[in-house]
Protein backbone atom coordinates (compact mmCIF):
# COMPACT_ATOMS: atom_id res chain seq x y z
CA MET A 1 -9.59 14.24 -75.01
CA TYR A 2 -10.64 15.92 -71.78
CA LEU A 3 -8.50 15.04 -68.78
CA SER A 4 -11.37 13.42 -66.90
CA ALA A 5 -12.15 11.17 -69.86
CA TRP A 6 -8.49 10.20 -70.23
CA VAL A 7 -8.26 9.38 -66.55
CA ALA A 8 -11.37 7.23 -66.86
CA VAL A 9 -9.72 5.30 -69.69
CA LEU A 10 -6.56 4.88 -67.63
CA LEU A 11 -8.49 3.68 -64.62
CA GLY A 12 -9.98 0.98 -66.78
CA SER A 13 -6.64 -0.07 -68.29
CA VAL A 14 -3.56 1.38 -66.67
CA ILE A 15 -1.22 -0.62 -68.88
CA GLU A 16 -2.19 1.44 -71.95
CA LEU A 17 0.04 4.28 -70.75
CA PRO A 18 3.34 4.74 -72.63
CA LEU A 19 5.99 2.62 -70.93
CA ALA A 20 9.50 3.76 -70.03
CA SER A 21 11.14 0.35 -69.66
CA ALA A 22 13.11 0.67 -72.90
CA PHE A 23 14.72 3.84 -71.61
CA LEU A 24 15.22 2.84 -67.98
CA ILE A 25 18.82 1.69 -68.44
CA ASP A 26 19.69 3.94 -71.40
CA HIS A 27 18.92 7.08 -69.40
CA TRP A 28 20.70 5.93 -66.23
CA ASN A 29 23.65 8.24 -66.80
CA THR A 30 24.45 9.31 -63.26
CA VAL A 31 27.86 10.11 -61.80
CA PRO A 32 28.33 8.61 -58.32
CA ALA A 33 29.05 11.12 -55.59
CA THR A 34 32.06 9.16 -54.41
CA THR A 35 34.61 7.04 -56.22
CA HIS A 36 36.99 4.31 -55.18
CA SER A 37 39.73 5.08 -57.66
CA SER A 38 41.80 8.15 -58.43
CA HIS A 39 41.97 7.18 -62.12
CA ILE A 40 38.47 7.98 -63.32
CA SER A 41 37.70 8.98 -66.92
CA HIS A 42 34.62 11.10 -66.41
CA HIS A 43 33.60 10.83 -70.06
CA CYS A 44 32.88 7.14 -69.37
CA PHE A 45 29.83 8.21 -67.35
CA SER A 46 28.21 9.23 -70.63
CA TYR A 47 27.79 5.54 -71.45
CA SER A 48 24.75 3.84 -69.92
CA SER A 49 26.43 0.42 -69.77
CA TYR A 50 29.32 1.91 -67.79
CA ASN A 51 26.88 3.37 -65.28
CA VAL A 52 24.99 0.10 -64.91
CA LEU A 53 28.21 -1.74 -64.07
CA ARG A 54 29.41 1.08 -61.84
CA GLN A 55 26.17 1.07 -59.87
CA LEU A 56 26.37 -2.71 -59.67
CA GLY A 57 29.62 -2.34 -57.75
CA ASP A 58 28.73 0.76 -55.75
CA ALA A 59 25.50 -0.83 -54.51
CA ASN A 60 27.08 -4.27 -53.99
CA ALA A 61 24.15 -5.57 -55.99
CA CYS A 62 23.58 -9.12 -57.22
CA LEU A 63 23.61 -10.03 -60.90
CA SER A 64 24.31 -13.30 -62.66
CA ALA A 65 27.79 -13.34 -64.24
CA ASN A 66 26.41 -14.08 -67.69
CA SER A 67 24.09 -11.06 -67.54
CA VAL A 68 27.21 -8.86 -67.45
CA TRP A 69 28.41 -9.63 -70.99
CA GLN A 70 25.81 -7.45 -72.71
CA TYR A 71 27.13 -4.34 -70.94
CA LEU A 72 30.79 -5.15 -71.56
CA ASP A 73 30.11 -5.75 -75.25
CA ASN A 74 28.18 -2.50 -75.51
CA LEU A 75 31.12 -0.65 -73.97
CA GLN A 76 33.63 -2.48 -76.17
CA VAL A 77 31.85 -1.14 -79.26
CA ARG A 78 31.60 2.43 -77.94
CA SER A 79 34.72 2.85 -75.84
CA PRO A 80 37.21 0.00 -75.27
CA SER A 81 39.10 2.17 -72.78
CA CYS A 82 35.98 2.62 -70.64
CA ARG A 83 35.34 -1.11 -70.84
CA LYS A 84 38.81 -1.78 -69.48
CA GLU A 85 38.41 0.90 -66.82
CA ILE A 86 35.21 -0.49 -65.35
CA GLN A 87 36.64 -4.01 -65.44
CA LYS A 88 39.68 -2.85 -63.48
CA TYR A 89 37.52 -0.95 -61.00
CA LEU A 90 35.33 -3.98 -60.26
CA ALA A 91 38.28 -6.38 -60.21
CA ASP A 92 39.99 -4.20 -57.58
CA LYS A 93 36.78 -3.79 -55.58
CA TYR A 94 36.08 -7.52 -55.38
CA ALA A 95 39.68 -8.73 -55.23
CA LYS A 96 39.18 -10.15 -51.73
CA THR A 97 35.49 -11.06 -52.05
CA SER A 98 34.47 -14.66 -52.69
CA GLN A 99 31.17 -16.19 -53.78
CA SER A 100 30.65 -17.44 -50.24
CA ASN A 101 30.57 -13.94 -48.69
CA ASP A 102 29.21 -11.69 -51.44
CA GLY A 103 25.74 -11.65 -49.88
CA CYS A 104 24.08 -13.14 -52.97
CA VAL A 105 22.46 -16.43 -53.82
CA CYS A 106 22.25 -17.62 -57.43
CA ASN A 107 19.86 -20.22 -58.83
CA ALA A 108 18.90 -21.60 -62.22
CA ARG A 109 15.57 -20.31 -63.47
CA THR A 110 15.78 -22.59 -66.53
CA ALA A 111 17.68 -25.83 -67.06
CA LEU A 112 21.46 -25.40 -67.21
CA VAL A 113 22.89 -26.82 -70.43
CA ASP A 114 26.58 -27.42 -71.10
CA HIS A 115 27.61 -25.89 -74.43
CA GLU A 116 30.67 -24.62 -76.22
CA ILE A 117 31.28 -20.93 -76.06
CA TYR A 118 29.89 -19.23 -79.14
CA ARG A 119 31.92 -19.78 -82.33
CA ILE A 120 32.47 -16.85 -84.68
CA LYS A 121 34.37 -16.51 -87.95
CA ASN A 122 37.87 -15.06 -87.74
CA GLY A 123 37.88 -15.60 -83.98
CA SER A 124 40.86 -16.59 -81.86
CA ILE A 125 39.34 -19.06 -79.42
CA PHE A 126 42.06 -21.68 -79.78
CA ASP A 127 44.87 -19.17 -79.38
CA CYS A 128 43.22 -17.51 -76.39
CA ARG A 129 41.81 -20.59 -74.68
CA ASP A 130 44.38 -23.27 -75.47
CA HIS A 131 47.69 -21.55 -76.17
CA SER A 132 47.71 -18.50 -73.93
CA HIS A 133 50.03 -18.55 -70.91
CA SER A 134 47.03 -17.67 -68.71
CA SER A 135 44.34 -20.23 -67.85
CA ALA A 136 41.75 -17.56 -67.05
CA TYR A 137 40.05 -17.78 -70.45
CA SER A 138 39.58 -21.55 -70.25
CA ASN A 139 38.47 -21.25 -66.58
CA ILE A 140 35.68 -18.83 -67.50
CA ASP A 141 34.76 -20.94 -70.53
CA SER A 142 34.45 -24.06 -68.39
CA THR A 143 32.57 -22.48 -65.48
CA LEU A 144 30.05 -20.39 -67.40
CA PHE A 145 29.70 -22.38 -70.61
CA SER A 146 31.07 -25.87 -71.24
CA ASN A 147 30.61 -27.20 -67.67
CA ILE A 148 27.97 -24.86 -66.28
CA LYS A 149 25.85 -27.78 -65.03
CA ARG A 150 28.64 -28.91 -62.71
CA HIS A 151 29.68 -25.43 -61.55
CA GLY A 152 26.18 -23.95 -61.20
CA CYS A 153 25.18 -20.31 -61.43
CA LYS A 154 27.65 -17.60 -60.44
CA ASN A 155 27.23 -14.05 -59.20
CA HIS A 156 29.09 -11.30 -61.09
CA VAL A 157 31.76 -11.23 -58.34
CA TYR A 158 33.12 -14.48 -59.77
CA LEU A 159 33.98 -12.84 -63.09
CA TRP A 160 35.95 -9.65 -62.57
CA HIS A 161 39.40 -10.71 -61.39
CA ARG A 162 39.35 -13.71 -63.73
CA LEU A 163 38.47 -11.51 -66.70
CA GLU A 164 41.31 -9.15 -65.78
CA ASN A 165 43.67 -12.14 -65.86
CA VAL A 166 42.72 -13.10 -69.41
CA ALA A 167 46.00 -12.30 -71.13
CA GLU A 168 46.70 -10.99 -74.58
CA PHE A 169 48.03 -13.68 -76.93
CA CYS A 170 50.89 -12.89 -79.31
CA SER A 171 51.90 -15.54 -81.82
CA SER A 172 54.63 -13.37 -83.29
CA ALA A 173 55.92 -9.83 -83.15
CA HIS A 174 53.39 -8.90 -85.80
CA ARG A 175 50.17 -10.49 -84.52
CA CYS A 176 48.60 -10.11 -81.08
CA VAL A 177 45.06 -10.88 -80.01
CA ASP A 178 43.00 -9.08 -77.37
CA CYS A 179 41.63 -12.21 -75.72
CA GLN A 180 39.40 -10.25 -73.34
CA GLN A 181 37.62 -8.76 -76.32
CA ASP A 182 37.40 -12.17 -77.98
CA LEU A 183 35.77 -13.64 -74.88
CA ILE A 184 33.36 -10.73 -74.44
CA VAL A 185 32.16 -10.88 -78.05
CA ARG A 186 31.55 -14.64 -77.87
CA ALA A 187 29.83 -14.50 -74.50
CA SER A 188 27.57 -11.60 -75.48
CA LEU A 189 26.44 -13.52 -78.56
CA GLN A 190 25.55 -16.44 -76.31
CA TYR A 191 23.87 -14.24 -73.68
CA PRO A 192 22.73 -11.05 -75.47
CA SER A 193 20.29 -10.09 -72.69
CA THR A 194 19.32 -10.93 -69.13
CA ASN A 195 16.35 -12.89 -70.47
CA SER A 196 18.73 -15.27 -72.26
CA ASP A 197 20.63 -15.97 -69.03
CA PRO A 198 19.44 -19.21 -67.36
CA CYS A 199 20.59 -17.93 -63.96
CA VAL A 200 19.26 -15.32 -61.55
CA CYS A 201 20.94 -13.91 -58.44
CA SER A 202 19.43 -12.08 -55.48
CA LYS A 203 20.36 -10.92 -51.99
CA VAL A 204 20.43 -13.51 -49.24
CA GLU A 205 17.46 -13.12 -46.93
CA PRO A 206 18.85 -12.43 -43.43
CA SER A 207 15.61 -13.60 -41.83
CA THR A 208 16.45 -17.20 -42.68
CA THR A 209 19.60 -17.35 -40.54
CA PRO A 210 18.12 -17.49 -36.99
CA SER A 211 16.28 -20.76 -37.59
CA THR A 212 19.44 -22.46 -38.91
CA ARG A 213 21.85 -21.15 -36.32
CA HIS A 214 19.80 -21.90 -33.19
CA PRO A 215 18.20 -25.32 -33.56
CA THR A 216 18.25 -26.03 -29.82
CA THR A 217 15.27 -27.41 -27.94
CA LYS A 218 15.04 -24.29 -25.84
CA THR A 219 14.32 -22.09 -28.84
CA THR A 220 11.90 -24.35 -30.68
CA THR A 221 8.86 -22.66 -29.17
CA THR A 222 9.98 -19.21 -30.31
CA GLN A 223 10.92 -20.48 -33.75
CA ARG A 224 7.69 -22.33 -34.41
CA PRO A 225 6.04 -19.27 -36.02
CA LEU A 226 8.99 -19.08 -38.45
CA THR A 227 8.56 -22.68 -39.56
CA ARG A 228 4.81 -22.25 -39.91
CA ALA A 229 4.99 -18.93 -41.73
CA PRO A 230 4.44 -20.36 -45.25
CA THR A 231 1.10 -21.88 -44.25
CA THR A 232 -0.13 -18.71 -42.54
CA SER A 233 1.34 -16.15 -44.95
CA THR A 234 -2.15 -15.20 -46.12
CA THR A 235 -2.34 -12.94 -43.06
CA LEU A 236 0.01 -10.55 -44.88
CA ALA A 237 -2.64 -9.46 -47.34
CA PRO A 238 -4.94 -7.76 -44.77
CA THR A 239 -1.87 -6.02 -43.30
CA ILE A 240 -0.97 -4.56 -46.69
CA SER A 241 -4.56 -3.58 -47.44
CA ARG A 242 -5.10 -1.94 -44.06
CA HIS A 243 -1.89 0.07 -43.80
CA PHE A 244 -0.49 0.37 -47.30
CA VAL A 245 -2.99 0.91 -50.03
CA CYS A 246 -2.88 3.51 -52.78
CA ASP A 247 -5.80 5.46 -54.15
CA LYS A 248 -6.23 4.25 -57.73
CA ARG A 249 -7.61 7.55 -58.98
CA SER A 250 -4.79 9.57 -57.39
CA VAL A 251 -2.11 7.29 -58.84
CA VAL A 252 -3.49 7.66 -62.35
CA GLU A 253 -4.40 11.36 -62.15
CA PHE A 254 -0.85 12.31 -61.12
CA ILE A 255 0.42 10.44 -64.19
CA ALA A 256 -2.15 12.07 -66.45
CA LEU A 257 -1.34 15.59 -65.20
CA GLU A 258 2.38 15.06 -65.98
CA GLN A 259 3.32 17.30 -63.07
CA HIS A 260 5.93 16.75 -60.39
CA THR A 261 4.28 15.56 -57.17
CA ALA A 262 5.50 16.93 -53.82
CA HIS A 263 4.87 15.93 -50.22
CA PRO A 264 6.07 17.51 -46.94
CA LYS A 265 7.23 14.16 -45.49
CA ALA A 266 9.19 13.12 -48.58
CA SER A 267 12.87 12.21 -48.32
CA PRO A 268 15.47 14.36 -50.10
CA CYS A 269 15.91 13.03 -53.62
CA ASP A 270 19.30 13.33 -55.32
CA PRO A 271 19.18 12.72 -59.10
CA SER A 272 22.89 11.81 -59.13
CA SER A 273 22.22 8.77 -56.93
CA GLY A 274 19.51 7.33 -59.16
CA GLY A 275 16.29 5.98 -57.74
CA SER A 276 13.01 7.82 -57.36
CA ASP A 277 11.15 10.38 -55.29
CA ASP A 278 9.05 8.83 -52.51
CA ALA A 279 6.80 11.93 -52.53
CA TYR A 280 4.70 10.20 -55.20
CA VAL A 281 4.01 7.25 -52.89
CA LEU A 282 3.19 9.53 -49.97
CA ALA A 283 0.83 11.65 -52.08
CA SER A 284 -0.92 8.65 -53.66
CA CYS A 285 -1.06 6.17 -50.78
CA ASN A 286 -1.80 6.11 -47.06
CA ALA A 287 1.79 5.12 -46.23
CA THR A 288 3.42 6.60 -43.14
CA SER A 289 6.66 8.60 -43.06
CA PRO A 290 9.51 6.91 -44.99
CA ILE A 291 11.59 6.67 -41.81
CA THR A 292 9.11 4.01 -40.61
CA TRP A 293 9.20 1.93 -43.81
CA ARG A 294 10.35 -1.67 -43.54
CA ARG A 295 10.81 -4.49 -46.03
CA GLY A 296 7.75 -6.70 -46.47
CA GLN A 297 6.99 -9.48 -48.94
CA ASN A 298 9.17 -9.84 -52.04
CA VAL A 299 7.29 -8.71 -55.15
CA MET A 300 8.74 -11.23 -57.63
CA ALA A 301 8.32 -14.11 -55.20
CA ASP A 302 4.65 -13.15 -54.98
CA CYS A 303 4.36 -12.77 -58.77
CA GLU A 304 5.77 -16.29 -59.23
CA SER A 305 3.47 -17.81 -56.59
CA HIS A 306 -0.13 -18.89 -57.00
CA THR A 307 -1.44 -16.82 -54.10
CA HIS A 308 -0.66 -13.27 -55.31
CA LEU A 309 -0.96 -11.67 -51.90
CA ILE A 310 0.29 -8.28 -53.09
CA PRO A 311 -2.63 -6.59 -54.86
CA GLY A 312 -2.34 -3.94 -57.53
CA PHE A 313 -1.85 -0.38 -56.26
CA THR A 314 0.32 -1.43 -53.33
CA PRO A 315 3.33 0.77 -52.44
CA ILE A 316 6.64 -1.02 -53.04
CA SER A 317 10.32 -0.13 -53.01
CA THR A 318 13.82 -1.51 -53.41
CA PHE A 319 15.41 -2.48 -50.12
CA ALA A 320 19.13 -3.11 -49.73
CA GLN A 321 18.49 -3.94 -46.06
CA VAL A 322 15.47 -4.39 -43.80
CA ASN A 323 15.02 -0.64 -43.24
CA TYR A 324 14.28 1.76 -46.07
CA ASP A 325 17.12 3.99 -47.23
CA ALA A 326 15.94 6.66 -49.65
CA LEU A 327 19.36 7.22 -51.24
CA GLY A 328 19.43 5.37 -54.54
CA SER A 329 16.20 3.48 -53.84
CA GLN A 330 13.22 3.39 -56.16
CA SER A 331 9.82 3.46 -54.51
CA GLY A 332 6.53 3.49 -56.35
CA VAL A 333 3.18 1.83 -56.83
CA PHE A 334 2.96 -1.81 -57.91
CA LEU A 335 0.53 -2.34 -60.80
CA GLU A 336 0.76 -5.90 -62.11
CA CYS A 337 3.07 -8.84 -62.84
CA PHE A 338 4.18 -10.14 -66.20
CA ASN A 339 6.33 -13.10 -67.25
CA SER A 340 9.78 -11.82 -66.21
CA GLY A 341 9.02 -8.79 -64.06
CA PHE A 342 6.29 -6.32 -63.19
CA LYS A 343 4.93 -2.86 -63.93
CA MET A 344 5.03 -0.01 -61.45
CA ALA A 345 4.33 3.71 -61.33
CA VAL A 346 7.23 5.87 -60.15
CA GLN A 347 8.36 9.47 -60.03
CA LYS A 348 12.08 9.84 -60.72
CA CYS A 349 13.98 12.58 -58.88
CA ASN A 350 12.96 15.94 -60.39
CA GLY A 351 10.72 14.04 -62.81
CA VAL A 352 7.01 13.39 -63.20
CA PRO A 353 5.01 10.24 -62.44
CA GLU A 354 5.30 7.55 -65.11
CA ILE A 355 4.88 3.81 -65.62
CA VAL A 356 7.93 1.59 -66.07
CA HIS A 357 8.68 -2.06 -66.63
CA VAL A 358 11.08 -3.56 -64.08
CA GLU A 359 12.52 -6.60 -65.78
CA HIS A 360 16.30 -6.97 -65.69
CA GLY A 361 19.47 -5.16 -64.70
CA ALA A 362 21.21 -4.03 -61.53
CA PHE A 363 19.56 -2.90 -58.28
CA ILE A 364 16.59 -0.66 -59.20
CA ASN A 365 16.29 -2.48 -62.54
CA ASN A 366 16.30 -5.90 -60.85
CA PRO A 367 12.71 -6.96 -60.04
CA ARG A 368 13.90 -9.24 -57.23
CA ASN A 369 15.10 -6.26 -55.20
CA TYR A 370 11.53 -4.95 -54.69
CA TYR A 371 9.40 -5.55 -51.61
CA ALA A 372 6.04 -4.40 -50.31
CA ILE A 373 6.41 -1.45 -47.93
CA VAL A 374 5.33 -2.28 -44.37
CA THR A 375 5.90 -0.68 -40.99
CA ASN A 376 6.49 -1.84 -37.42
């Protein structure tokens, strides 16, 4: 098929392009530039699950505690030593961090249901939960499983030091049980994927704090726009359309050509930090220099609303803070929403433009970390 004909087909139905979502986490095998521990087994970076958990800590990202089990179980099967190493790393990192100051808010996206932790044949739940000298196993069981309705959703920070405290149980000199492994296997059977997790966690929006901290009469006139923002939020759509719109043909042609896209104003892109190359956004859209980019409307919040103020072919990016930081961020072109995420076009560092699903995972794989790109 001639290129022009293929592009015409793509312009009519962008979603027919091959998707990279299945490989987004599996190919995230990057070694962080800095480490927080002198005891690092570098072969562990060859495991995608290790890298997901490592990036979760390095980026101080938000992720529901029960979405962690799938990665721990994957590591347990491939390398128990790497599983223990990443647990120790995260337990040390968050030793003095509590749920109240981890910068995340967790909510139930489906009804929370109390249930027993998953039962398996030849398991050791009674030894580990009821007879071990440590109460950590039963604490996790109660909080995340049997009494989850009372405890509510928890960010991953809750888990790490408690999991480290799950002790091995030895009934005699000849039989000992790895209770951490027992717990991980059961939990991963209960929550095999992020989609099976009833909870979702995201960064706390700093913009909500001024209205709650300064409720005085003197400031009510300046805060009135904040309280009225939901009813006038439709004004955001013209702003996006006027300043941040991508050329549909350019977006698709760059994908069809399968060539790396460059731009003189692009930020340096380091493959070892993950993320994507913002040159693709600059070449496809009328966005200004990345140093002017600011966080706009949240993409998933818009997908879940009835207004859909963010149109297709709008430039978006992950934002850890209000201002854009290219290191480790993933910028691209928003295409459309689906049930649990959205589709976007991106160009990975040293890669070529492609379409990916953003559905679940840590930071760049978490759809709730994406916002429309705006400027002051």
